[in-house]
Amino acid sequence: MFTEKQIAWANAIQKENMVSHLGIEFVPSPEGTFSATMPVDHRTKQPMGLLHGGATAALAETLGSMGSAMLVDLGTQAVVGIELNANHLKSATSGRVKATGTLLHRGRTTHVWDIRVTNEAGELVAVCRLTNMVITKRA
């Protein structure tokens, strides 16, 4: 879906914000998808030592929002998330998780992403659905 140059740009603009603090990194993915990884470490675990559901949600929203942003004219448009649903299916305690998103709907004003989060063994950790609104930037 996106070139290596686009993925490098997406990673470069994430400095000094929540995405970089959580260690989220966009990575190459199969055609028609967009992927990012995130460590399961002290930044992303809850007190019981498990991957925090909020960190998983942040990973999913980051992935889908950046994916939509790379599909619009950022000179005149912006993307805002308007709904996120996350079903947590399996815990993770270490390593990295990978979110892979597939764009289900690319409308003029909304984008809908199906995002699947897996652990290093390829097991499904969470399924998420993100709806983004494409808005016109104000002058």
N, C-alpha and C. Protein backbone atom coordinates (compact mmCIF):
# COMPACT_ATOMS: atom_id res chain seq x y z
N MET A 1 0.82 -1.18 0.00
CA MET A 1 0.00 0.00 0.00
C MET A 1 0.87 1.25 0.00
N PHE A 2 1.96 1.23 0.79
CA PHE A 2 2.83 2.40 0.89
C PHE A 2 4.26 2.02 0.57
N THR A 3 5.00 2.96 0.00
CA THR A 3 6.38 2.73 -0.39
C THR A 3 7.30 2.86 0.83
N GLU A 4 8.53 2.40 0.67
CA GLU A 4 9.52 2.54 1.74
C GLU A 4 9.75 4.00 2.07
N LYS A 5 9.72 4.87 1.06
CA LYS A 5 9.91 6.31 1.28
C LYS A 5 8.77 6.87 2.13
N GLN A 6 7.54 6.46 1.86
CA GLN A 6 6.39 6.92 2.65
C GLN A 6 6.49 6.42 4.09
N ILE A 7 6.90 5.16 4.27
CA ILE A 7 7.05 4.60 5.61
C ILE A 7 8.14 5.34 6.38
N ALA A 8 9.24 5.66 5.71
CA ALA A 8 10.32 6.42 6.35
C ALA A 8 9.82 7.80 6.78
N TRP A 9 9.02 8.46 5.93
CA TRP A 9 8.45 9.77 6.27
C TRP A 9 7.54 9.64 7.50
N ALA A 10 6.70 8.61 7.51
CA ALA A 10 5.77 8.40 8.63
C ALA A 10 6.54 8.22 9.94
N ASN A 11 7.64 7.49 9.91
CA ASN A 11 8.46 7.31 11.11
C ASN A 11 9.15 8.61 11.50
N ALA A 12 9.63 9.38 10.52
CA ALA A 12 10.38 10.60 10.80
C ALA A 12 9.55 11.67 11.49
N ILE A 13 8.25 11.74 11.22
CA ILE A 13 7.44 12.80 11.81
C ILE A 13 6.92 12.45 13.20
N GLN A 14 7.31 11.31 13.72
CA GLN A 14 6.81 10.87 15.02
C GLN A 14 7.73 11.24 16.18
N LYS A 15 8.70 12.07 15.96
CA LYS A 15 9.65 12.42 17.02
C LYS A 15 8.98 13.26 18.10
N GLU A 16 9.32 12.95 19.35
CA GLU A 16 8.87 13.73 20.50
C GLU A 16 7.36 13.84 20.66
N ASN A 17 6.65 12.74 20.40
CA ASN A 17 5.23 12.69 20.71
C ASN A 17 4.92 11.30 21.28
N MET A 18 3.65 11.03 21.55
CA MET A 18 3.30 9.77 22.19
C MET A 18 3.77 8.56 21.38
N VAL A 19 3.73 8.65 20.08
CA VAL A 19 4.13 7.53 19.23
C VAL A 19 5.58 7.14 19.51
N SER A 20 6.46 8.11 19.56
CA SER A 20 7.87 7.79 19.82
C SER A 20 8.07 7.33 21.27
N HIS A 21 7.32 7.89 22.20
CA HIS A 21 7.46 7.48 23.60
C HIS A 21 7.03 6.03 23.81
N LEU A 22 6.06 5.55 23.03
CA LEU A 22 5.62 4.16 23.13
C LEU A 22 6.48 3.22 22.29
N GLY A 23 7.39 3.76 21.49
CA GLY A 23 8.27 2.93 20.67
C GLY A 23 7.60 2.37 19.43
N ILE A 24 6.53 3.00 18.97
CA ILE A 24 5.81 2.54 17.78
C ILE A 24 6.63 2.88 16.55
N GLU A 25 6.76 1.90 15.65
CA GLU A 25 7.52 2.08 14.42
C GLU A 25 6.75 1.47 13.26
N PHE A 26 6.60 2.24 12.18
CA PHE A 26 5.95 1.74 10.97
C PHE A 26 6.93 0.86 10.22
N VAL A 27 6.43 -0.25 9.67
CA VAL A 27 7.29 -1.23 8.99
C VAL A 27 6.65 -1.65 7.67
N PRO A 28 7.46 -2.16 6.74
CA PRO A 28 6.89 -2.66 5.49
C PRO A 28 5.88 -3.77 5.76
N SER A 29 4.90 -3.88 4.87
CA SER A 29 3.84 -4.88 5.05
C SER A 29 3.38 -5.38 3.68
N PRO A 30 2.61 -6.46 3.67
CA PRO A 30 2.13 -6.99 2.39
C PRO A 30 1.26 -5.97 1.64
N GLU A 31 1.19 -6.12 0.34
CA GLU A 31 0.39 -5.23 -0.51
C GLU A 31 -1.04 -5.13 0.03
N GLY A 32 -1.55 -3.92 0.06
CA GLY A 32 -2.92 -3.69 0.52
C GLY A 32 -3.05 -3.52 2.02
N THR A 33 -1.92 -3.51 2.74
CA THR A 33 -1.95 -3.36 4.20
C THR A 33 -0.95 -2.30 4.63
N PHE A 34 -1.03 -1.94 5.91
CA PHE A 34 -0.08 -1.01 6.53
C PHE A 34 0.20 -1.57 7.91
N SER A 35 1.48 -1.59 8.33
CA SER A 35 1.84 -2.22 9.59
C SER A 35 2.72 -1.35 10.46
N ALA A 36 2.65 -1.60 11.77
CA ALA A 36 3.51 -0.95 12.74
C ALA A 36 3.76 -1.94 13.87
N THR A 37 4.90 -1.76 14.53
CA THR A 37 5.22 -2.60 15.68
C THR A 37 5.35 -1.73 16.92
N MET A 38 5.24 -2.38 18.08
CA MET A 38 5.39 -1.69 19.36
C MET A 38 5.98 -2.67 20.37
N PRO A 39 6.95 -2.23 21.16
CA PRO A 39 7.51 -3.13 22.17
C PRO A 39 6.52 -3.36 23.31
N VAL A 40 6.62 -4.53 23.90
CA VAL A 40 5.89 -4.82 25.14
C VAL A 40 6.93 -4.70 26.24
N ASP A 41 6.99 -3.52 26.84
CA ASP A 41 8.01 -3.24 27.85
C ASP A 41 7.45 -2.29 28.90
N HIS A 42 8.32 -1.70 29.71
CA HIS A 42 7.90 -0.84 30.82
C HIS A 42 7.01 0.32 30.36
N ARG A 43 7.12 0.74 29.10
CA ARG A 43 6.31 1.85 28.59
C ARG A 43 4.90 1.44 28.23
N THR A 44 4.70 0.16 27.94
CA THR A 44 3.43 -0.28 27.37
C THR A 44 2.70 -1.33 28.20
N LYS A 45 3.28 -1.70 29.36
CA LYS A 45 2.64 -2.70 30.23
C LYS A 45 1.83 -2.02 31.33
N GLN A 46 0.81 -2.72 31.81
CA GLN A 46 0.07 -2.28 32.99
C GLN A 46 0.74 -2.88 34.22
N PRO A 47 0.35 -2.46 35.43
CA PRO A 47 1.04 -2.91 36.65
C PRO A 47 1.14 -4.42 36.84
N MET A 48 0.24 -5.20 36.24
CA MET A 48 0.29 -6.66 36.39
C MET A 48 1.28 -7.31 35.42
N GLY A 49 1.98 -6.48 34.62
CA GLY A 49 3.00 -7.01 33.72
C GLY A 49 2.50 -7.41 32.35
N LEU A 50 1.25 -7.10 32.04
CA LEU A 50 0.65 -7.43 30.74
C LEU A 50 0.59 -6.20 29.85
N LEU A 51 0.55 -6.42 28.55
CA LEU A 51 0.37 -5.33 27.62
C LEU A 51 -0.89 -4.56 27.98
N HIS A 52 -0.76 -3.26 28.14
CA HIS A 52 -1.88 -2.39 28.53
C HIS A 52 -2.84 -2.25 27.36
N GLY A 53 -4.12 -2.41 27.62
CA GLY A 53 -5.13 -2.27 26.57
C GLY A 53 -5.11 -0.89 25.94
N GLY A 54 -4.80 0.12 26.72
CA GLY A 54 -4.70 1.47 26.19
C GLY A 54 -3.54 1.63 25.23
N ALA A 55 -2.44 0.93 25.49
CA ALA A 55 -1.30 0.97 24.58
C ALA A 55 -1.65 0.28 23.27
N THR A 56 -2.40 -0.83 23.36
CA THR A 56 -2.86 -1.51 22.16
C THR A 56 -3.77 -0.60 21.35
N ALA A 57 -4.67 0.09 22.03
CA ALA A 57 -5.56 1.03 21.35
C ALA A 57 -4.77 2.17 20.72
N ALA A 58 -3.75 2.67 21.41
CA ALA A 58 -2.92 3.73 20.86
C ALA A 58 -2.19 3.25 19.60
N LEU A 59 -1.71 2.01 19.63
CA LEU A 59 -1.05 1.43 18.45
C LEU A 59 -2.02 1.38 17.28
N ALA A 60 -3.22 0.89 17.52
CA ALA A 60 -4.21 0.77 16.44
C ALA A 60 -4.60 2.14 15.89
N GLU A 61 -4.86 3.09 16.77
CA GLU A 61 -5.25 4.42 16.29
C GLU A 61 -4.10 5.11 15.56
N THR A 62 -2.89 4.93 16.03
CA THR A 62 -1.72 5.49 15.35
C THR A 62 -1.60 4.93 13.95
N LEU A 63 -1.72 3.62 13.83
CA LEU A 63 -1.58 2.97 12.53
C LEU A 63 -2.65 3.47 11.55
N GLY A 64 -3.91 3.40 11.96
CA GLY A 64 -4.99 3.79 11.06
C GLY A 64 -4.98 5.27 10.74
N SER A 65 -4.66 6.09 11.71
CA SER A 65 -4.63 7.54 11.47
C SER A 65 -3.51 7.91 10.51
N MET A 66 -2.33 7.33 10.69
CA MET A 66 -1.24 7.62 9.78
C MET A 66 -1.53 7.06 8.39
N GLY A 67 -2.14 5.88 8.34
CA GLY A 67 -2.51 5.31 7.05
C GLY A 67 -3.44 6.23 6.29
N SER A 68 -4.45 6.75 6.98
CA SER A 68 -5.38 7.68 6.33
C SER A 68 -4.69 8.98 5.95
N ALA A 69 -3.82 9.48 6.82
CA ALA A 69 -3.11 10.73 6.53
C ALA A 69 -2.28 10.61 5.26
N MET A 70 -1.73 9.42 5.02
CA MET A 70 -0.90 9.23 3.84
C MET A 70 -1.73 9.06 2.57
N LEU A 71 -3.05 9.01 2.72
CA LEU A 71 -3.94 8.86 1.57
C LEU A 71 -4.66 10.15 1.18
N VAL A 72 -4.45 11.21 1.95
CA VAL A 72 -5.12 12.47 1.66
C VAL A 72 -4.09 13.55 1.35
N ASP A 73 -4.57 14.70 0.88
CA ASP A 73 -3.72 15.86 0.62
C ASP A 73 -3.56 16.62 1.93
N LEU A 74 -2.44 16.43 2.61
CA LEU A 74 -2.23 17.06 3.91
C LEU A 74 -2.06 18.57 3.83
N GLY A 75 -1.92 19.10 2.63
CA GLY A 75 -1.87 20.54 2.47
C GLY A 75 -3.23 21.18 2.70
N THR A 76 -4.29 20.46 2.38
CA THR A 76 -5.64 21.01 2.50
C THR A 76 -6.54 20.20 3.42
N GLN A 77 -6.13 18.99 3.79
CA GLN A 77 -6.97 18.11 4.59
C GLN A 77 -6.23 17.62 5.83
N ALA A 78 -7.00 17.17 6.80
CA ALA A 78 -6.46 16.53 8.00
C ALA A 78 -7.32 15.31 8.29
N VAL A 79 -6.80 14.43 9.12
CA VAL A 79 -7.51 13.20 9.50
C VAL A 79 -7.66 13.19 11.01
N VAL A 80 -8.88 12.90 11.48
CA VAL A 80 -9.13 12.77 12.91
C VAL A 80 -9.88 11.47 13.16
N GLY A 81 -9.46 10.75 14.18
CA GLY A 81 -10.17 9.53 14.56
C GLY A 81 -11.48 9.90 15.23
N ILE A 82 -12.56 9.23 14.84
CA ILE A 82 -13.86 9.51 15.46
C ILE A 82 -14.43 8.31 16.21
N GLU A 83 -13.91 7.13 15.95
CA GLU A 83 -14.35 5.96 16.72
C GLU A 83 -13.28 4.88 16.66
N LEU A 84 -13.02 4.29 17.81
CA LEU A 84 -12.08 3.16 17.90
C LEU A 84 -12.71 2.09 18.77
N ASN A 85 -12.70 0.87 18.27
CA ASN A 85 -13.17 -0.28 19.02
C ASN A 85 -12.02 -1.26 19.09
N ALA A 86 -11.78 -1.81 20.27
CA ALA A 86 -10.70 -2.79 20.43
C ALA A 86 -11.20 -3.96 21.26
N ASN A 87 -11.03 -5.16 20.73
CA ASN A 87 -11.32 -6.38 21.48
C ASN A 87 -9.99 -7.04 21.80
N HIS A 88 -9.68 -7.17 23.09
CA HIS A 88 -8.43 -7.76 23.55
C HIS A 88 -8.65 -9.25 23.73
N LEU A 89 -7.90 -10.06 23.00
CA LEU A 89 -8.14 -11.50 22.94
C LEU A 89 -7.11 -12.35 23.65
N LYS A 90 -5.88 -11.86 23.72
CA LYS A 90 -4.80 -12.63 24.32
C LYS A 90 -3.81 -11.66 24.95
N SER A 91 -3.23 -12.05 26.05
CA SER A 91 -2.26 -11.16 26.71
C SER A 91 -0.88 -11.30 26.05
N ALA A 92 -0.07 -10.27 26.26
CA ALA A 92 1.33 -10.30 25.84
C ALA A 92 2.14 -9.75 27.00
N THR A 93 3.30 -10.34 27.26
CA THR A 93 4.12 -9.93 28.40
C THR A 93 5.52 -9.48 28.01
N SER A 94 5.93 -9.75 26.79
CA SER A 94 7.27 -9.37 26.35
C SER A 94 7.32 -9.35 24.83
N GLY A 95 8.48 -8.94 24.31
CA GLY A 95 8.67 -8.94 22.86
C GLY A 95 8.07 -7.71 22.20
N ARG A 96 7.54 -7.92 21.00
CA ARG A 96 6.90 -6.85 20.24
C ARG A 96 5.56 -7.35 19.74
N VAL A 97 4.63 -6.44 19.62
CA VAL A 97 3.37 -6.75 18.95
C VAL A 97 3.38 -6.01 17.62
N LYS A 98 2.62 -6.55 16.67
CA LYS A 98 2.55 -5.96 15.34
C LYS A 98 1.09 -5.73 14.98
N ALA A 99 0.79 -4.50 14.58
CA ALA A 99 -0.55 -4.15 14.11
C ALA A 99 -0.51 -4.09 12.59
N THR A 100 -1.45 -4.76 11.96
CA THR A 100 -1.56 -4.71 10.50
C THR A 100 -2.96 -4.27 10.15
N GLY A 101 -3.05 -3.17 9.41
CA GLY A 101 -4.33 -2.59 9.07
C GLY A 101 -4.67 -2.79 7.60
N THR A 102 -5.94 -3.01 7.36
CA THR A 102 -6.49 -3.09 6.01
C THR A 102 -7.58 -2.04 5.91
N LEU A 103 -7.50 -1.21 4.89
CA LEU A 103 -8.50 -0.17 4.69
C LEU A 103 -9.76 -0.81 4.12
N LEU A 104 -10.84 -0.77 4.90
CA LEU A 104 -12.11 -1.36 4.47
C LEU A 104 -12.95 -0.41 3.65
N HIS A 105 -12.83 0.88 3.95
CA HIS A 105 -13.65 1.90 3.27
C HIS A 105 -12.82 3.16 3.11
N ARG A 106 -12.74 3.65 1.89
CA ARG A 106 -12.04 4.90 1.61
C ARG A 106 -13.03 5.85 0.93
N GLY A 107 -13.77 6.54 1.76
CA GLY A 107 -14.75 7.48 1.25
C GLY A 107 -14.18 8.89 1.19
N ARG A 108 -14.99 9.81 0.72
CA ARG A 108 -14.57 11.20 0.60
C ARG A 108 -14.35 11.83 1.97
N THR A 109 -15.19 11.45 2.95
CA THR A 109 -15.10 12.06 4.28
C THR A 109 -14.82 11.07 5.40
N THR A 110 -14.85 9.78 5.14
CA THR A 110 -14.52 8.80 6.17
C THR A 110 -13.65 7.67 5.60
N HIS A 111 -12.80 7.16 6.47
CA HIS A 111 -12.01 5.96 6.19
C HIS A 111 -12.26 4.99 7.34
N VAL A 112 -12.41 3.71 7.02
CA VAL A 112 -12.59 2.69 8.05
C VAL A 112 -11.49 1.64 7.89
N TRP A 113 -10.79 1.38 9.00
CA TRP A 113 -9.68 0.43 9.03
C TRP A 113 -10.01 -0.78 9.90
N ASP A 114 -9.64 -1.96 9.42
CA ASP A 114 -9.65 -3.19 10.22
C ASP A 114 -8.20 -3.44 10.62
N ILE A 115 -7.94 -3.51 11.92
CA ILE A 115 -6.57 -3.62 12.41
C ILE A 115 -6.45 -4.85 13.30
N ARG A 116 -5.49 -5.71 12.99
CA ARG A 116 -5.25 -6.93 13.75
C ARG A 116 -3.88 -6.83 14.41
N VAL A 117 -3.86 -7.07 15.71
CA VAL A 117 -2.61 -6.99 16.48
C VAL A 117 -2.20 -8.41 16.84
N THR A 118 -0.95 -8.75 16.51
CA THR A 118 -0.44 -10.10 16.77
C THR A 118 0.84 -10.02 17.59
N ASN A 119 1.15 -11.14 18.27
CA ASN A 119 2.43 -11.23 19.00
C ASN A 119 3.49 -11.81 18.06
N GLU A 120 4.69 -12.01 18.59
CA GLU A 120 5.80 -12.49 17.76
C GLU A 120 5.57 -13.91 17.24
N ALA A 121 4.69 -14.66 17.88
CA ALA A 121 4.36 -16.01 17.41
C ALA A 121 3.25 -15.99 16.36
N GLY A 122 2.77 -14.78 16.02
CA GLY A 122 1.71 -14.65 15.04
C GLY A 122 0.32 -14.87 15.61
N GLU A 123 0.22 -14.98 16.92
CA GLU A 123 -1.08 -15.19 17.56
C GLU A 123 -1.83 -13.87 17.69
N LEU A 124 -3.12 -13.93 17.49
CA LEU A 124 -3.96 -12.74 17.54
C LEU A 124 -4.10 -12.24 18.97
N VAL A 125 -3.69 -11.01 19.21
CA VAL A 125 -3.75 -10.38 20.53
C VAL A 125 -4.99 -9.49 20.64
N ALA A 126 -5.31 -8.78 19.55
CA ALA A 126 -6.46 -7.88 19.56
C ALA A 126 -6.95 -7.65 18.14
N VAL A 127 -8.24 -7.35 18.03
CA VAL A 127 -8.82 -6.90 16.77
C VAL A 127 -9.43 -5.53 17.03
N CYS A 128 -9.19 -4.61 16.11
CA CYS A 128 -9.62 -3.23 16.29
C CYS A 128 -10.28 -2.72 15.02
N ARG A 129 -11.17 -1.78 15.20
CA ARG A 129 -11.80 -1.10 14.07
C ARG A 129 -11.70 0.39 14.34
N LEU A 130 -11.15 1.13 13.39
CA LEU A 130 -10.97 2.57 13.52
C LEU A 130 -11.71 3.29 12.40
N THR A 131 -12.48 4.29 12.76
CA THR A 131 -13.11 5.16 11.78
C THR A 131 -12.48 6.54 11.88
N ASN A 132 -11.99 7.04 10.76
CA ASN A 132 -11.40 8.37 10.69
C ASN A 132 -12.29 9.28 9.87
N MET A 133 -12.31 10.54 10.25
CA MET A 133 -12.99 11.55 9.44
C MET A 133 -11.92 12.38 8.73
N VAL A 134 -12.15 12.62 7.45
CA VAL A 134 -11.28 13.47 6.66
C VAL A 134 -11.91 14.86 6.67
N ILE A 135 -11.17 15.85 7.19
CA ILE A 135 -11.71 17.20 7.30
C ILE A 135 -10.88 18.17 6.46
N THR A 136 -11.50 19.28 6.13
CA THR A 136 -10.80 20.34 5.41
C THR A 136 -10.13 21.24 6.44
N LYS A 137 -8.84 21.54 6.20
CA LYS A 137 -8.11 22.42 7.11
C LYS A 137 -8.64 23.84 6.96
N ARG A 138 -8.69 24.53 8.07
CA ARG A 138 -9.10 25.93 8.06
C ARG A 138 -7.90 26.80 7.72
N ALA A 139 -8.16 27.85 7.00
CA ALA A 139 -7.07 28.77 6.59
C ALA A 139 -6.57 29.60 7.75
